[in-house]
Amino acid sequence: MSTPLPIVERRNPHFERLGGRPAVARLVDAFYVAMDTREDARTIRAMHASDLADTRRVLVDYLCEWLGGPKDYTAARGAPKLRRRHAHVALDEAARDAWLGCMRDALALACEDAALRDELLASFAKVADFLRNTP
């Protein structure tokens, strides 16, 4: 009989590399500034409430967890299930690209580490493309 292998939790080091919750909050703030100012983001901005306070808090919690930090998002809201949570809005290539443009701008302001920016942007691109639900 073989001995079962121990369960090893895979850690995502991006949370610490970025600078923890304060850095994630700066990233989210910069993201929504970009969404409010970029012409190509008008459509995706219109998908949000005019007051972004709750949306910002949720995104900070989600990104902290996604980046390997505390699991506050799941504790408060359950599993992310991003496709289900975004199913009520039409997300096409233009929406994906606008979202990524906002995140690229935010990363440029909130993340000094160029290698980390590239890693995060590549990961964000995969998630954004996964959420597309409209041709």
N, C-alpha and C. Protein backbone atom coordinates (compact mmCIF):
# COMPACT_ATOMS: atom_id res chain seq x y z
N MET A 1 0.85 -1.17 0.00
CA MET A 1 0.00 0.00 0.00
C MET A 1 0.91 1.24 0.00
N SER A 2 0.60 2.17 -0.87
CA SER A 2 1.43 3.36 -0.96
C SER A 2 0.96 4.43 0.01
N THR A 3 1.88 5.24 0.40
CA THR A 3 1.58 6.35 1.30
C THR A 3 1.04 7.50 0.47
N PRO A 4 -0.10 8.08 0.87
CA PRO A 4 -0.63 9.21 0.08
C PRO A 4 0.31 10.40 0.14
N LEU A 5 0.36 11.09 -0.97
CA LEU A 5 1.20 12.29 -1.04
C LEU A 5 0.57 13.40 -0.22
N PRO A 6 1.38 14.19 0.43
CA PRO A 6 0.82 15.31 1.20
C PRO A 6 0.22 16.35 0.26
N ILE A 7 -0.80 17.00 0.73
CA ILE A 7 -1.42 18.07 -0.04
C ILE A 7 -0.57 19.31 0.14
N VAL A 8 -0.12 19.84 -0.97
CA VAL A 8 0.72 21.03 -0.94
C VAL A 8 -0.10 22.19 -1.50
N GLU A 9 -0.27 23.20 -0.70
CA GLU A 9 -1.01 24.37 -1.17
C GLU A 9 -0.10 25.19 -2.07
N ARG A 10 -0.57 25.43 -3.28
CA ARG A 10 0.21 26.24 -4.22
C ARG A 10 -0.01 27.71 -3.89
N ARG A 11 1.05 28.41 -3.66
CA ARG A 11 0.96 29.82 -3.30
C ARG A 11 1.21 30.68 -4.53
N ASN A 12 0.45 31.72 -4.62
CA ASN A 12 0.65 32.70 -5.67
C ASN A 12 1.39 33.87 -5.01
N PRO A 13 2.63 34.11 -5.39
CA PRO A 13 3.44 35.13 -4.71
C PRO A 13 3.14 36.56 -5.17
N HIS A 14 2.23 36.74 -6.10
CA HIS A 14 2.00 38.07 -6.65
C HIS A 14 1.50 39.07 -5.61
N PHE A 15 0.73 38.62 -4.64
CA PHE A 15 0.19 39.51 -3.62
C PHE A 15 1.32 40.22 -2.87
N GLU A 16 2.29 39.45 -2.40
CA GLU A 16 3.42 40.05 -1.69
C GLU A 16 4.29 40.88 -2.63
N ARG A 17 4.53 40.38 -3.83
CA ARG A 17 5.38 41.11 -4.78
C ARG A 17 4.79 42.47 -5.13
N LEU A 18 3.47 42.53 -5.24
CA LEU A 18 2.82 43.80 -5.57
C LEU A 18 2.87 44.78 -4.41
N GLY A 19 2.82 44.24 -3.18
CA GLY A 19 2.87 45.12 -2.01
C GLY A 19 1.69 44.96 -1.07
N GLY A 20 0.96 43.85 -1.19
CA GLY A 20 -0.14 43.57 -0.27
C GLY A 20 -1.39 44.39 -0.57
N ARG A 21 -2.29 44.39 0.40
CA ARG A 21 -3.60 45.03 0.24
C ARG A 21 -3.49 46.52 -0.13
N PRO A 22 -2.58 47.30 0.48
CA PRO A 22 -2.50 48.72 0.09
C PRO A 22 -2.18 48.89 -1.40
N ALA A 23 -1.31 48.05 -1.92
CA ALA A 23 -0.96 48.14 -3.34
C ALA A 23 -2.12 47.71 -4.22
N VAL A 24 -2.85 46.68 -3.80
CA VAL A 24 -4.02 46.25 -4.56
C VAL A 24 -5.06 47.37 -4.58
N ALA A 25 -5.26 48.03 -3.45
CA ALA A 25 -6.21 49.16 -3.40
C ALA A 25 -5.78 50.28 -4.34
N ARG A 26 -4.47 50.56 -4.40
CA ARG A 26 -3.98 51.58 -5.34
C ARG A 26 -4.23 51.15 -6.78
N LEU A 27 -4.02 49.86 -7.06
CA LEU A 27 -4.27 49.33 -8.40
C LEU A 27 -5.73 49.50 -8.78
N VAL A 28 -6.63 49.16 -7.87
CA VAL A 28 -8.07 49.27 -8.14
C VAL A 28 -8.46 50.74 -8.33
N ASP A 29 -7.94 51.62 -7.50
CA ASP A 29 -8.23 53.05 -7.67
C ASP A 29 -7.77 53.53 -9.04
N ALA A 30 -6.56 53.16 -9.44
CA ALA A 30 -6.03 53.57 -10.75
C ALA A 30 -6.85 52.96 -11.88
N PHE A 31 -7.31 51.74 -11.69
CA PHE A 31 -8.14 51.06 -12.69
C PHE A 31 -9.42 51.84 -12.94
N TYR A 32 -10.09 52.25 -11.87
CA TYR A 32 -11.36 52.97 -12.05
C TYR A 32 -11.16 54.41 -12.52
N VAL A 33 -10.02 55.02 -12.22
CA VAL A 33 -9.70 56.31 -12.82
C VAL A 33 -9.57 56.14 -14.33
N ALA A 34 -8.87 55.09 -14.75
CA ALA A 34 -8.73 54.83 -16.19
C ALA A 34 -10.09 54.57 -16.81
N MET A 35 -10.94 53.82 -16.12
CA MET A 35 -12.26 53.53 -16.67
C MET A 35 -13.08 54.81 -16.81
N ASP A 36 -12.90 55.74 -15.89
CA ASP A 36 -13.63 57.01 -15.96
C ASP A 36 -13.08 57.97 -17.00
N THR A 37 -11.85 57.76 -17.45
CA THR A 37 -11.22 58.74 -18.34
C THR A 37 -10.93 58.23 -19.75
N ARG A 38 -10.85 56.95 -19.94
CA ARG A 38 -10.54 56.42 -21.27
C ARG A 38 -11.79 56.41 -22.14
N GLU A 39 -11.66 56.95 -23.32
CA GLU A 39 -12.78 56.99 -24.27
C GLU A 39 -13.26 55.58 -24.61
N ASP A 40 -12.32 54.65 -24.80
CA ASP A 40 -12.71 53.29 -25.18
C ASP A 40 -13.37 52.52 -24.04
N ALA A 41 -13.37 53.09 -22.83
CA ALA A 41 -13.96 52.40 -21.67
C ALA A 41 -15.36 52.89 -21.33
N ARG A 42 -15.91 53.78 -22.14
CA ARG A 42 -17.24 54.32 -21.82
C ARG A 42 -18.29 53.23 -21.68
N THR A 43 -18.26 52.26 -22.57
CA THR A 43 -19.26 51.20 -22.54
C THR A 43 -19.13 50.35 -21.28
N ILE A 44 -17.91 49.99 -20.92
CA ILE A 44 -17.76 49.16 -19.72
C ILE A 44 -18.01 49.98 -18.45
N ARG A 45 -17.72 51.26 -18.48
CA ARG A 45 -18.01 52.10 -17.31
C ARG A 45 -19.52 52.17 -17.09
N ALA A 46 -20.28 52.22 -18.20
CA ALA A 46 -21.74 52.30 -18.11
C ALA A 46 -22.35 51.02 -17.53
N MET A 47 -21.59 49.95 -17.48
CA MET A 47 -22.07 48.69 -16.90
C MET A 47 -22.04 48.74 -15.37
N HIS A 48 -21.41 49.76 -14.83
CA HIS A 48 -21.25 49.89 -13.38
C HIS A 48 -22.16 50.97 -12.82
N ALA A 49 -22.41 50.91 -11.53
CA ALA A 49 -23.18 51.95 -10.86
C ALA A 49 -22.38 53.25 -10.88
N SER A 50 -23.07 54.38 -10.75
CA SER A 50 -22.36 55.65 -10.74
C SER A 50 -21.44 55.76 -9.53
N ASP A 51 -21.85 55.24 -8.39
CA ASP A 51 -21.03 55.22 -7.19
C ASP A 51 -20.27 53.89 -7.16
N LEU A 52 -18.97 53.96 -7.25
CA LEU A 52 -18.16 52.75 -7.35
C LEU A 52 -17.62 52.26 -6.01
N ALA A 53 -18.04 52.83 -4.89
CA ALA A 53 -17.47 52.48 -3.59
C ALA A 53 -17.58 50.98 -3.31
N ASP A 54 -18.76 50.41 -3.47
CA ASP A 54 -18.93 48.97 -3.21
C ASP A 54 -18.16 48.14 -4.23
N THR A 55 -18.22 48.55 -5.48
CA THR A 55 -17.53 47.83 -6.54
C THR A 55 -16.03 47.81 -6.28
N ARG A 56 -15.49 48.93 -5.85
CA ARG A 56 -14.05 48.99 -5.52
C ARG A 56 -13.71 48.01 -4.40
N ARG A 57 -14.52 48.00 -3.34
CA ARG A 57 -14.24 47.10 -2.21
C ARG A 57 -14.27 45.64 -2.65
N VAL A 58 -15.25 45.30 -3.46
CA VAL A 58 -15.35 43.92 -3.94
C VAL A 58 -14.14 43.56 -4.81
N LEU A 59 -13.75 44.46 -5.69
CA LEU A 59 -12.61 44.17 -6.57
C LEU A 59 -11.32 44.07 -5.76
N VAL A 60 -11.14 44.91 -4.76
CA VAL A 60 -9.95 44.81 -3.91
C VAL A 60 -9.92 43.43 -3.24
N ASP A 61 -11.04 43.03 -2.64
CA ASP A 61 -11.08 41.72 -1.99
C ASP A 61 -10.81 40.59 -2.98
N TYR A 62 -11.44 40.67 -4.16
CA TYR A 62 -11.24 39.63 -5.17
C TYR A 62 -9.78 39.57 -5.60
N LEU A 63 -9.21 40.72 -5.95
CA LEU A 63 -7.82 40.72 -6.44
C LEU A 63 -6.84 40.30 -5.36
N CYS A 64 -7.08 40.69 -4.13
CA CYS A 64 -6.20 40.23 -3.05
C CYS A 64 -6.17 38.70 -3.03
N GLU A 65 -7.34 38.10 -3.08
CA GLU A 65 -7.42 36.63 -3.05
C GLU A 65 -6.81 36.03 -4.31
N TRP A 66 -7.14 36.57 -5.46
CA TRP A 66 -6.65 36.06 -6.75
C TRP A 66 -5.13 36.13 -6.83
N LEU A 67 -4.57 37.15 -6.20
CA LEU A 67 -3.12 37.34 -6.21
C LEU A 67 -2.40 36.53 -5.14
N GLY A 68 -3.14 35.82 -4.31
CA GLY A 68 -2.52 34.97 -3.31
C GLY A 68 -2.60 35.50 -1.89
N GLY A 69 -3.40 36.52 -1.68
CA GLY A 69 -3.56 37.10 -0.35
C GLY A 69 -4.72 36.48 0.40
N PRO A 70 -5.22 37.19 1.40
CA PRO A 70 -6.31 36.67 2.23
C PRO A 70 -7.55 36.34 1.41
N LYS A 71 -8.27 35.35 1.85
CA LYS A 71 -9.45 34.85 1.13
C LYS A 71 -10.73 35.56 1.61
N ASP A 72 -10.66 36.87 1.74
CA ASP A 72 -11.80 37.65 2.22
C ASP A 72 -12.96 37.65 1.22
N TYR A 73 -12.64 37.62 -0.07
CA TYR A 73 -13.70 37.62 -1.08
C TYR A 73 -14.58 36.38 -0.92
N THR A 74 -13.94 35.21 -0.91
CA THR A 74 -14.69 33.96 -0.82
C THR A 74 -15.43 33.87 0.51
N ALA A 75 -14.81 34.34 1.58
CA ALA A 75 -15.46 34.29 2.89
C ALA A 75 -16.74 35.13 2.89
N ALA A 76 -16.71 36.27 2.20
CA ALA A 76 -17.86 37.17 2.21
C ALA A 76 -18.88 36.87 1.12
N ARG A 77 -18.42 36.40 -0.04
CA ARG A 77 -19.29 36.30 -1.21
C ARG A 77 -19.39 34.91 -1.82
N GLY A 78 -18.65 33.97 -1.31
CA GLY A 78 -18.63 32.64 -1.91
C GLY A 78 -17.62 32.57 -3.04
N ALA A 79 -17.60 31.43 -3.69
CA ALA A 79 -16.65 31.23 -4.79
C ALA A 79 -16.86 32.29 -5.87
N PRO A 80 -15.78 32.74 -6.49
CA PRO A 80 -15.90 33.83 -7.47
C PRO A 80 -16.86 33.55 -8.64
N LYS A 81 -16.77 32.39 -9.26
CA LYS A 81 -17.65 32.06 -10.39
C LYS A 81 -17.81 33.27 -11.32
N LEU A 82 -16.68 33.73 -11.84
CA LEU A 82 -16.67 34.98 -12.61
C LEU A 82 -17.60 34.98 -13.81
N ARG A 83 -17.65 33.91 -14.55
CA ARG A 83 -18.54 33.90 -15.73
C ARG A 83 -19.99 34.08 -15.30
N ARG A 84 -20.39 33.40 -14.25
CA ARG A 84 -21.78 33.53 -13.78
C ARG A 84 -22.04 34.95 -13.27
N ARG A 85 -21.10 35.52 -12.56
CA ARG A 85 -21.28 36.87 -12.00
C ARG A 85 -21.32 37.96 -13.08
N HIS A 86 -20.76 37.65 -14.25
CA HIS A 86 -20.74 38.64 -15.33
C HIS A 86 -21.71 38.30 -16.46
N ALA A 87 -22.48 37.24 -16.32
CA ALA A 87 -23.36 36.78 -17.40
C ALA A 87 -24.44 37.79 -17.76
N HIS A 88 -24.79 38.69 -16.86
CA HIS A 88 -25.89 39.63 -17.11
C HIS A 88 -25.47 40.80 -18.03
N VAL A 89 -24.18 40.90 -18.35
CA VAL A 89 -23.72 41.97 -19.24
C VAL A 89 -23.06 41.36 -20.48
N ALA A 90 -23.23 42.03 -21.60
CA ALA A 90 -22.63 41.58 -22.85
C ALA A 90 -21.17 41.99 -22.87
N LEU A 91 -20.29 41.01 -22.92
CA LEU A 91 -18.85 41.27 -22.94
C LEU A 91 -18.27 40.73 -24.25
N ASP A 92 -17.96 41.66 -25.14
CA ASP A 92 -17.40 41.29 -26.43
C ASP A 92 -15.91 41.63 -26.45
N GLU A 93 -15.29 41.52 -27.62
CA GLU A 93 -13.86 41.81 -27.73
C GLU A 93 -13.55 43.26 -27.37
N ALA A 94 -14.42 44.18 -27.77
CA ALA A 94 -14.17 45.60 -27.45
C ALA A 94 -14.22 45.83 -25.94
N ALA A 95 -15.17 45.19 -25.26
CA ALA A 95 -15.25 45.32 -23.80
C ALA A 95 -14.01 44.72 -23.16
N ARG A 96 -13.61 43.55 -23.64
CA ARG A 96 -12.40 42.91 -23.12
C ARG A 96 -11.19 43.82 -23.30
N ASP A 97 -11.04 44.36 -24.50
CA ASP A 97 -9.88 45.20 -24.79
C ASP A 97 -9.89 46.49 -23.97
N ALA A 98 -11.07 47.07 -23.78
CA ALA A 98 -11.17 48.29 -22.97
C ALA A 98 -10.81 47.98 -21.51
N TRP A 99 -11.31 46.88 -21.00
CA TRP A 99 -11.00 46.48 -19.62
C TRP A 99 -9.50 46.28 -19.46
N LEU A 100 -8.90 45.58 -20.43
CA LEU A 100 -7.45 45.35 -20.38
C LEU A 100 -6.67 46.65 -20.50
N GLY A 101 -7.16 47.58 -21.31
CA GLY A 101 -6.50 48.88 -21.42
C GLY A 101 -6.51 49.62 -20.09
N CYS A 102 -7.64 49.57 -19.40
CA CYS A 102 -7.73 50.20 -18.08
C CYS A 102 -6.78 49.52 -17.10
N MET A 103 -6.72 48.20 -17.14
CA MET A 103 -5.83 47.49 -16.22
C MET A 103 -4.37 47.74 -16.58
N ARG A 104 -4.06 47.84 -17.85
CA ARG A 104 -2.68 48.15 -18.27
C ARG A 104 -2.28 49.52 -17.73
N ASP A 105 -3.17 50.51 -17.86
CA ASP A 105 -2.89 51.84 -17.33
C ASP A 105 -2.71 51.80 -15.82
N ALA A 106 -3.57 51.06 -15.14
CA ALA A 106 -3.51 50.96 -13.68
C ALA A 106 -2.21 50.29 -13.23
N LEU A 107 -1.83 49.22 -13.91
CA LEU A 107 -0.58 48.55 -13.56
C LEU A 107 0.62 49.46 -13.77
N ALA A 108 0.59 50.26 -14.82
CA ALA A 108 1.70 51.19 -15.07
C ALA A 108 1.87 52.17 -13.92
N LEU A 109 0.77 52.54 -13.29
CA LEU A 109 0.82 53.49 -12.18
C LEU A 109 1.07 52.82 -10.83
N ALA A 110 0.56 51.62 -10.64
CA ALA A 110 0.57 51.01 -9.31
C ALA A 110 1.60 49.91 -9.11
N CYS A 111 2.29 49.52 -10.16
CA CYS A 111 3.25 48.41 -10.05
C CYS A 111 4.57 48.83 -10.68
N GLU A 112 5.59 48.99 -9.84
CA GLU A 112 6.89 49.43 -10.33
C GLU A 112 7.70 48.31 -10.97
N ASP A 113 7.42 47.09 -10.62
CA ASP A 113 8.16 45.92 -11.09
C ASP A 113 7.68 45.54 -12.50
N ALA A 114 8.52 45.81 -13.51
CA ALA A 114 8.12 45.56 -14.91
C ALA A 114 7.81 44.09 -15.17
N ALA A 115 8.60 43.20 -14.59
CA ALA A 115 8.36 41.76 -14.80
C ALA A 115 7.02 41.36 -14.20
N LEU A 116 6.71 41.87 -13.01
CA LEU A 116 5.43 41.57 -12.38
C LEU A 116 4.28 42.15 -13.19
N ARG A 117 4.44 43.38 -13.70
CA ARG A 117 3.41 43.97 -14.56
C ARG A 117 3.10 43.06 -15.73
N ASP A 118 4.15 42.58 -16.39
CA ASP A 118 3.96 41.70 -17.55
C ASP A 118 3.25 40.40 -17.16
N GLU A 119 3.66 39.81 -16.03
CA GLU A 119 3.03 38.57 -15.56
C GLU A 119 1.55 38.80 -15.27
N LEU A 120 1.27 39.89 -14.55
CA LEU A 120 -0.12 40.18 -14.18
C LEU A 120 -0.96 40.49 -15.41
N LEU A 121 -0.43 41.27 -16.32
CA LEU A 121 -1.20 41.61 -17.51
C LEU A 121 -1.51 40.36 -18.33
N ALA A 122 -0.56 39.45 -18.43
CA ALA A 122 -0.81 38.20 -19.16
C ALA A 122 -1.92 37.39 -18.47
N SER A 123 -1.90 37.35 -17.15
CA SER A 123 -2.95 36.63 -16.42
C SER A 123 -4.29 37.33 -16.55
N PHE A 124 -4.30 38.66 -16.44
CA PHE A 124 -5.54 39.41 -16.61
C PHE A 124 -6.12 39.21 -18.01
N ALA A 125 -5.24 39.12 -19.02
CA ALA A 125 -5.72 38.92 -20.39
C ALA A 125 -6.44 37.58 -20.52
N LYS A 126 -5.93 36.55 -19.88
CA LYS A 126 -6.59 35.24 -19.93
C LYS A 126 -7.97 35.30 -19.27
N VAL A 127 -8.04 35.95 -18.12
CA VAL A 127 -9.33 36.06 -17.42
C VAL A 127 -10.31 36.88 -18.25
N ALA A 128 -9.86 38.02 -18.77
CA ALA A 128 -10.73 38.88 -19.54
C ALA A 128 -11.25 38.16 -20.79
N ASP A 129 -10.40 37.40 -21.44
CA ASP A 129 -10.86 36.68 -22.62
C ASP A 129 -11.83 35.57 -22.23
N PHE A 130 -11.60 34.92 -21.11
CA PHE A 130 -12.50 33.88 -20.60
C PHE A 130 -13.89 34.42 -20.33
N LEU A 131 -13.98 35.68 -19.94
CA LEU A 131 -15.29 36.27 -19.58
C LEU A 131 -16.10 36.74 -20.79
N ARG A 132 -15.47 36.78 -21.98
CA ARG A 132 -16.23 37.19 -23.17
C ARG A 132 -17.42 36.25 -23.34
N ASN A 133 -18.57 36.83 -23.56
CA ASN A 133 -19.79 36.03 -23.73
C ASN A 133 -20.60 36.46 -24.95
N THR A 134 -20.04 37.35 -25.73
CA THR A 134 -20.71 37.89 -26.93
C THR A 134 -19.68 37.97 -28.04
N PRO A 135 -20.05 37.50 -29.24
CA PRO A 135 -19.09 37.57 -30.36
C PRO A 135 -18.67 39.00 -30.69
